[in-house]
């Protein structure tokens, strides 16, 4: 078993100031090694087009990238290419989520090599405060904002692609700009999508929605309870699925079998985080190992977090963070087993 440490980061102020603060992180943490990896993944990215789109869709993110460029002493075009998530090539990843009884539980499966290992709490001057797991610094793998909107991504296919934003950047846009499911669905329809992803979304209403998104079109499916894995179910999009997605179907069927148990949020956390669960994977060398388990509670504005397998759960309150009544820990530690092939 190996240690996996996830830092807990707090960002406040203007978007520019948050970018400036994160430049210090890159200089002093493992994120500096990510720069070399991102250079290879973003060789053909069109930073000029990305800048034009960000100006209209998410000017706050563009300001944040400006602060990052200033802090690192790099050209803004280079920073946009590296961190905007526009027209970037990324390996496939796995994610399993359940929205049920006013909670959202999820496992994120990938490789620690490309994992930011950051839980970020932001309280921007312009935009909703949020908490979530970052990817490529400004992006989010999943998260919840101060309105109780919860969003997570689910990779489907990278073979059907176009020039557009990767899902991590899109999740961040939704969290910062949308206050409810309807606003999130509307914004998703205006953003250029680079690849095929599912977006699982809920809010304090307790309703759930999956937006199946390709570069050409999006299908919106409201469900309650909602189970989301890594394949499209809408008939018109099924041709976009990978040739082999039986594993995604199996995970969905297993979660369906859990619904009769009426799991509490903590019970759901343990079913997802158990190292022997059919929902927990250890193929880290193949970019399919479970890195974190998280339960979002949108009505309470709190979350339950676990890193690696069989992790002692940690609870964070976004509400208490905003009230200034919480002392944030610096890190959440866990264990992963990278010897499985």
Protein backbone atom coordinates (compact mmCIF):
# COMPACT_ATOMS: atom_id res chain seq x y z
CA UNK A 1 0.00 0.00 0.00
CA UNK A 2 1.21 3.48 -0.88
CA UNK A 3 0.33 6.82 0.67
CA UNK A 4 -1.83 9.23 -1.30
CA UNK A 5 -1.97 12.76 0.10
CA UNK A 6 -4.57 15.25 -1.07
CA UNK A 7 -3.96 18.88 -0.13
CA UNK A 8 -6.84 21.10 0.95
CA UNK A 9 -6.49 24.53 -0.63
CA UNK A 10 -8.37 27.76 0.09
CA UNK A 11 -8.66 30.51 -2.54
CA UNK A 12 -10.30 33.90 -1.99
CA UNK A 13 -10.53 37.26 -3.69
CA UNK A 14 -10.69 38.22 -7.33
CA UNK A 15 -10.18 35.62 -10.03
CA UNK A 16 -6.85 37.24 -10.85
CA UNK A 17 -5.76 36.97 -7.21
CA UNK A 18 -6.76 33.31 -7.10
CA UNK A 19 -4.63 32.66 -10.18
CA UNK A 20 -1.72 34.49 -8.63
CA UNK A 21 -2.02 32.42 -5.44
CA UNK A 22 -2.05 29.16 -7.41
CA UNK A 23 1.15 30.12 -9.20
CA UNK A 24 2.86 29.79 -5.80
CA UNK A 25 1.48 26.25 -5.50
CA UNK A 26 2.97 25.28 -8.83
CA UNK A 27 6.38 26.56 -7.76
CA UNK A 28 6.41 24.73 -4.44
CA UNK A 29 4.49 21.46 -4.95
CA UNK A 30 4.26 18.42 -7.21
CA UNK A 31 2.16 20.51 -9.61
CA UNK A 32 5.37 21.84 -11.14
CA UNK A 33 6.02 18.35 -12.54
CA UNK A 34 2.60 18.46 -14.20
CA UNK A 35 3.80 21.29 -16.43
CA UNK A 36 5.94 18.92 -18.49
CA UNK A 37 3.05 16.48 -18.89
CA UNK A 38 0.68 19.23 -19.96
CA UNK A 39 3.18 20.42 -22.55
CA UNK A 40 2.78 17.10 -24.33
CA UNK A 41 -1.02 17.00 -23.99
CA UNK A 42 -1.61 20.51 -25.33
CA UNK A 43 0.75 20.71 -28.31
CA UNK A 44 -1.98 21.52 -30.81
CA UNK A 45 -4.26 23.60 -28.58
CA UNK A 46 -5.53 26.85 -30.09
CA UNK A 47 -4.93 29.36 -27.29
CA UNK A 48 -6.25 32.29 -29.33
CA UNK A 49 -9.60 30.60 -29.93
CA UNK A 50 -9.73 29.48 -26.30
CA UNK A 51 -9.19 33.06 -25.15
CA UNK A 52 -12.01 34.34 -27.37
CA UNK A 53 -14.41 31.72 -26.02
CA UNK A 54 -13.47 32.33 -22.39
CA UNK A 55 -14.09 36.06 -22.83
CA UNK A 56 -17.72 35.33 -23.71
CA UNK A 57 -18.46 32.16 -21.71
CA UNK A 58 -16.34 32.47 -18.57
CA UNK A 59 -14.36 35.72 -18.23
CA UNK A 60 -13.58 34.89 -14.60
CA UNK A 61 -11.57 31.84 -15.62
CA UNK A 62 -9.68 33.95 -18.13
CA UNK A 63 -8.80 36.40 -15.34
CA UNK A 64 -7.64 33.50 -13.17
CA UNK A 65 -5.37 32.30 -15.97
CA UNK A 66 -4.04 35.85 -16.25
CA UNK A 67 -3.06 35.81 -12.58
CA UNK A 68 -1.44 32.42 -13.05
CA UNK A 69 0.59 33.74 -15.99
CA UNK A 70 1.73 36.79 -14.01
CA UNK A 71 2.78 34.68 -11.04
CA UNK A 72 4.74 32.23 -13.16
CA UNK A 73 6.26 34.88 -15.41
CA UNK A 74 4.88 33.15 -18.51
CA UNK A 75 2.99 34.36 -21.56
CA UNK A 76 -0.78 34.32 -21.15
CA UNK A 77 -1.11 32.39 -24.43
CA UNK A 78 1.07 29.62 -23.00
CA UNK A 79 -0.92 29.45 -19.77
CA UNK A 80 -4.20 29.31 -21.69
CA UNK A 81 -2.83 26.49 -23.79
CA UNK A 82 -1.66 24.54 -20.74
CA UNK A 83 -4.50 25.11 -18.28
CA UNK A 84 -7.70 26.21 -20.03
CA UNK A 85 -8.63 22.66 -20.97
CA UNK A 86 -9.32 23.74 -24.53
CA UNK A 87 -8.57 21.20 -27.26
CA UNK A 88 -6.48 19.07 -24.91
CA UNK A 89 -5.84 15.35 -25.25
CA UNK A 90 -6.41 13.39 -22.03
CA UNK A 91 -6.38 9.65 -21.21
CA UNK A 92 -9.67 7.92 -20.43
CA UNK A 93 -10.94 7.79 -16.85
CA UNK A 94 -13.74 6.11 -14.93
CA UNK A 95 -16.39 7.51 -12.60
CA UNK A 96 -19.43 6.04 -10.88
CA UNK A 97 -22.14 8.17 -9.24
CA UNK A 98 -25.48 7.76 -7.49
CA UNK A 99 -27.94 10.54 -6.70
CA UNK A 100 -30.47 9.29 -4.17
CA UNK A 101 -32.30 10.56 -1.07
CA UNK A 102 -30.79 14.05 -1.21
CA UNK A 103 -27.17 12.96 -1.54
CA UNK A 104 -24.70 12.49 -4.38
CA UNK A 105 -22.05 9.79 -3.93
CA UNK A 106 -19.23 9.19 -6.37
CA UNK A 107 -15.97 7.34 -7.00
CA UNK A 108 -13.33 8.85 -9.26
CA UNK A 109 -11.05 6.40 -11.06
CA UNK A 110 -7.82 7.45 -12.77
CA UNK A 111 -4.04 7.44 -12.24
CA UNK A 112 -2.19 9.27 -9.44
CA UNK A 113 0.35 10.42 -12.05
CA UNK A 114 -2.12 12.90 -13.55
CA UNK A 115 -4.16 13.56 -10.42
CA UNK A 116 -3.88 17.06 -8.94
CA UNK A 117 -4.49 15.64 -5.44
CA UNK A 118 -6.20 18.88 -4.38
CA UNK A 119 -9.52 19.69 -2.73
CA UNK A 120 -10.10 23.35 -3.48
CA UNK A 121 -12.44 25.72 -1.66
CA UNK A 122 -12.98 28.94 -3.57
CA UNK A 123 -14.78 32.10 -2.50
CA UNK A 124 -14.46 34.43 -5.49
CA UNK A 125 -15.57 38.06 -5.59
CA UNK A 126 -17.56 37.41 -8.78
CA UNK A 127 -19.08 33.94 -8.86
CA UNK A 128 -20.41 31.28 -6.54
CA UNK A 129 -18.21 29.84 -3.81
CA UNK A 130 -17.55 26.13 -4.23
CA UNK A 131 -15.64 23.10 -3.05
CA UNK A 132 -14.35 20.32 -5.29
CA UNK A 133 -11.50 18.16 -6.51
CA UNK A 134 -9.33 19.99 -9.03
CA UNK A 135 -7.80 18.75 -12.26
CA UNK A 136 -5.40 20.66 -14.48
CA UNK A 137 -5.46 23.28 -11.70
CA UNK A 138 -8.48 25.38 -12.71
CA UNK A 139 -10.72 22.46 -13.67
CA UNK A 140 -12.90 20.35 -11.37
CA UNK A 141 -13.56 16.62 -11.46
CA UNK A 142 -16.59 17.12 -9.24
CA UNK A 143 -17.79 19.73 -6.80
CA UNK A 144 -20.59 21.62 -5.05
CA UNK A 145 -21.24 25.34 -4.89
CA UNK A 146 -22.84 27.58 -2.27
CA UNK A 147 -26.28 27.13 -3.86
CA UNK A 148 -26.03 23.37 -3.40
CA UNK A 149 -25.49 22.64 -7.10
CA UNK A 150 -23.43 19.43 -7.45
CA UNK A 151 -21.74 18.42 -10.70
CA UNK A 152 -19.51 15.49 -11.65
CA UNK A 153 -18.02 14.31 -14.93
CA UNK A 154 -17.99 10.83 -16.45
CA UNK A 155 -15.70 10.04 -19.39
CA UNK A 156 -17.41 8.23 -22.29
CA UNK A 157 -15.15 8.36 -25.34
CA UNK A 158 -12.23 10.37 -26.71
CA UNK A 159 -12.42 9.00 -30.24
CA UNK A 160 -15.28 11.32 -31.25
CA UNK A 161 -13.71 14.71 -30.67
CA UNK A 162 -13.72 18.29 -31.89
CA UNK A 163 -12.12 21.57 -30.92
CA UNK A 164 -13.66 22.47 -27.56
CA UNK A 165 -13.23 22.39 -23.79
CA UNK A 166 -12.48 19.31 -21.73
CA UNK A 167 -15.05 18.31 -19.11
CA UNK A 168 -13.00 19.42 -16.10
CA UNK A 169 -13.07 23.04 -17.25
CA UNK A 170 -16.77 22.77 -18.03
CA UNK A 171 -17.56 21.47 -14.52
CA UNK A 172 -15.73 24.48 -13.07
CA UNK A 173 -17.76 26.84 -15.26
CA UNK A 174 -21.01 25.30 -14.06
CA UNK A 175 -20.07 25.48 -10.39
CA UNK A 176 -18.99 29.09 -10.56
CA UNK A 177 -21.81 30.40 -12.74
CA UNK A 178 -24.94 28.29 -12.11
CA UNK A 179 -27.28 28.24 -9.12
CA UNK A 180 -29.51 25.30 -10.00
CA UNK A 181 -29.96 22.32 -12.32
CA UNK A 182 -31.84 24.31 -14.96
CA UNK A 183 -29.11 26.96 -15.21
CA UNK A 184 -26.45 24.26 -15.48
CA UNK A 185 -28.29 22.48 -18.30
CA UNK A 186 -28.71 25.78 -20.14
CA UNK A 187 -25.03 26.72 -19.84
CA UNK A 188 -23.93 23.25 -20.97
CA UNK A 189 -25.77 23.82 -24.24
CA UNK A 190 -23.69 26.94 -25.01
CA UNK A 191 -20.20 25.53 -24.37
CA UNK A 192 -18.12 23.88 -27.14
CA UNK A 193 -17.51 20.29 -25.98
CA UNK A 194 -14.24 18.70 -27.00
CA UNK A 195 -15.10 15.07 -26.18
CA UNK A 196 -17.92 12.74 -25.16
CA UNK A 197 -18.79 12.97 -21.47
CA UNK A 198 -21.72 12.48 -19.14
CA UNK A 199 -22.42 15.18 -16.55
CA UNK A 200 -24.35 14.07 -13.45
CA UNK A 201 -26.03 16.97 -11.69
CA UNK A 202 -28.21 17.60 -8.65
CA UNK A 203 -29.18 20.46 -6.33
CA UNK A 204 -31.15 20.94 -3.09
CA UNK A 205 -34.36 20.00 -4.92
CA UNK A 206 -33.19 16.39 -4.75
CA UNK A 207 -33.75 15.94 -8.48
CA UNK A 208 -31.08 14.38 -10.65
CA UNK A 209 -30.16 14.90 -14.28
CA UNK A 210 -27.64 13.35 -16.64
CA UNK A 211 -26.52 15.46 -19.58
CA UNK A 212 -25.01 13.21 -22.23
CA UNK A 213 -22.73 15.51 -24.20
CA UNK A 214 -20.86 15.10 -27.48
CA UNK A 215 -19.22 17.81 -29.59
CA UNK A 216 -22.34 17.78 -31.81
CA UNK A 217 -25.27 17.52 -29.41
CA UNK A 218 -26.45 17.00 -25.84
CA UNK A 219 -29.26 14.83 -24.48
CA UNK A 220 -30.84 15.68 -21.12
CA UNK A 221 -32.33 12.90 -18.98
CA UNK A 222 -33.99 13.62 -15.62
CA UNK A 223 -34.02 10.61 -13.27
CA UNK A 224 -34.63 9.99 -9.60
CA UNK A 225 -32.81 8.05 -8.27
CA UNK A 226 -30.05 8.60 -10.80
CA UNK A 227 -27.15 6.29 -11.60
CA UNK A 228 -24.41 7.48 -13.93
CA UNK A 229 -21.34 5.64 -15.20
CA UNK A 230 -19.31 5.84 -18.41
CA UNK A 231 -21.64 5.20 -21.33
CA UNK A 232 -24.46 6.95 -23.17
CA UNK A 233 -27.96 5.52 -22.89
CA UNK A 234 -29.87 7.83 -25.23
CA UNK A 235 -30.56 5.94 -28.43
CA UNK A 236 -29.30 8.71 -30.71
CA UNK A 237 -25.93 8.83 -28.92
CA UNK A 238 -25.21 5.13 -28.34
CA UNK A 239 -23.05 5.01 -31.46
CA UNK A 240 -20.62 7.31 -29.63
CA UNK A 241 -19.92 4.74 -26.90
CA UNK A 242 -16.65 2.85 -26.81
CA UNK A 243 -16.69 -0.56 -28.45
CA UNK A 244 -16.34 -2.21 -25.06
CA UNK A 245 -18.31 -0.70 -22.16
CA UNK A 246 -19.63 -3.76 -20.37
CA UNK A 247 -17.77 -2.73 -17.21
CA UNK A 248 -19.73 0.52 -17.15
CA UNK A 249 -22.99 -1.43 -17.47
CA UNK A 250 -21.94 -3.81 -14.69
CA UNK A 251 -21.27 -0.94 -12.30
CA UNK A 252 -24.67 0.57 -13.04
CA UNK A 253 -26.39 -2.77 -12.46
CA UNK A 254 -24.60 -3.23 -9.13
CA UNK A 255 -25.68 0.19 -7.90
CA UNK A 256 -29.24 -0.61 -8.98
CA UNK A 257 -29.12 -3.61 -6.67
CA UNK A 258 -28.21 -1.31 -3.76
CA UNK A 259 -31.29 0.89 -4.11
CA UNK A 260 -33.48 -1.49 -2.12
CA UNK A 261 -31.21 -0.99 0.90
CA UNK A 262 -32.14 2.69 1.32
CA UNK A 263 -28.56 3.57 2.15
CA UNK A 264 -27.77 6.56 4.34
CA UNK A 265 -25.06 8.95 3.06
CA UNK A 266 -22.42 7.32 5.29
CA UNK A 267 -23.54 3.80 4.35
CA UNK A 268 -23.36 4.75 0.67
CA UNK A 269 -19.88 6.14 1.24
CA UNK A 270 -18.72 2.85 2.74
CA UNK A 271 -20.23 0.77 -0.09
CA UNK A 272 -18.34 2.89 -2.63
CA UNK A 273 -15.07 3.16 -0.68
CA UNK A 274 -14.72 -0.49 0.34
CA UNK A 275 -11.59 -1.83 -1.35
CA UNK A 276 -13.44 -5.08 -2.14
CA UNK A 277 -16.48 -3.38 -3.65
CA UNK A 278 -17.35 -3.94 -7.34
CA UNK A 279 -17.29 -0.13 -7.51
CA UNK A 280 -13.68 0.18 -6.31
CA UNK A 281 -10.83 -0.41 -8.79
CA UNK A 282 -7.09 -0.80 -8.38
CA UNK A 283 -5.81 -0.66 -11.97
CA UNK A 284 -3.83 2.51 -11.38
CA UNK A 285 -1.22 1.68 -14.01
CA UNK A 286 -4.03 1.49 -16.58
CA UNK A 287 -5.60 4.82 -15.52
CA UNK A 288 -8.47 3.03 -13.76
CA UNK A 289 -7.81 3.07 -10.04
CA UNK A 290 -10.12 4.67 -7.48
CA UNK A 291 -8.49 7.81 -6.09
CA UNK A 292 -11.29 9.39 -4.12
CA UNK A 293 -14.80 8.75 -2.84
CA UNK A 294 -17.01 11.72 -2.06
CA UNK A 295 -20.57 12.22 -0.84
CA UNK A 296 -22.08 15.66 -1.45
CA UNK A 297 -25.04 16.75 0.71
CA UNK A 298 -26.52 19.76 -1.12
CA UNK A 299 -29.16 20.67 1.46
CA UNK A 300 -26.59 20.74 4.25
CA UNK A 301 -23.79 22.15 2.07
CA UNK A 302 -21.42 19.52 3.44
CA UNK A 303 -19.42 16.63 2.02
CA UNK A 304 -17.90 13.35 3.17
CA UNK A 305 -14.45 12.63 1.72
CA UNK A 306 -12.30 9.54 1.46
CA UNK A 307 -8.91 9.15 -0.24
CA UNK A 308 -7.88 5.73 -1.52
CA UNK A 309 -9.52 2.57 -0.17
CA UNK A 310 -11.17 1.91 3.18
CA UNK A 311 -10.49 5.50 4.13
CA UNK A 312 -11.73 6.95 7.40
CA UNK A 313 -14.30 9.51 6.22
CA UNK A 314 -13.69 13.20 6.75
CA UNK A 315 -16.56 15.69 6.76
CA UNK A 316 -16.19 19.25 5.47
CA UNK A 317 -18.86 21.95 5.65
CA UNK A 318 -18.97 24.50 2.87
CA UNK A 319 -21.49 26.46 4.94
CA UNK A 320 -19.12 26.66 7.92
CA UNK A 321 -16.29 27.62 5.59
CA UNK A 322 -18.31 30.54 4.27
CA UNK A 323 -19.32 31.53 7.82
CA UNK A 324 -15.68 31.47 8.90
CA UNK A 325 -16.38 28.89 11.62
CA UNK A 326 -14.13 26.10 10.40
CA UNK A 327 -10.42 25.38 10.74
CA UNK A 328 -9.52 23.68 7.50
CA UNK A 329 -7.11 20.74 7.69
CA UNK A 330 -4.11 20.98 5.39
CA UNK A 331 -4.26 17.47 3.98
CA UNK A 332 -6.36 14.32 3.75
CA UNK A 333 -4.33 11.10 3.55
CA UNK A 334 -5.22 7.68 2.18
CA UNK A 335 -3.79 4.44 0.86
CA UNK A 336 -3.78 2.95 -2.64
CA UNK A 337 -2.46 -0.35 -3.96
CA UNK A 338 -0.59 0.13 -7.22
CA UNK A 339 0.65 -3.46 -7.51
CA UNK A 340 -2.54 -4.72 -9.23
CA UNK A 341 -2.32 -5.17 -13.01
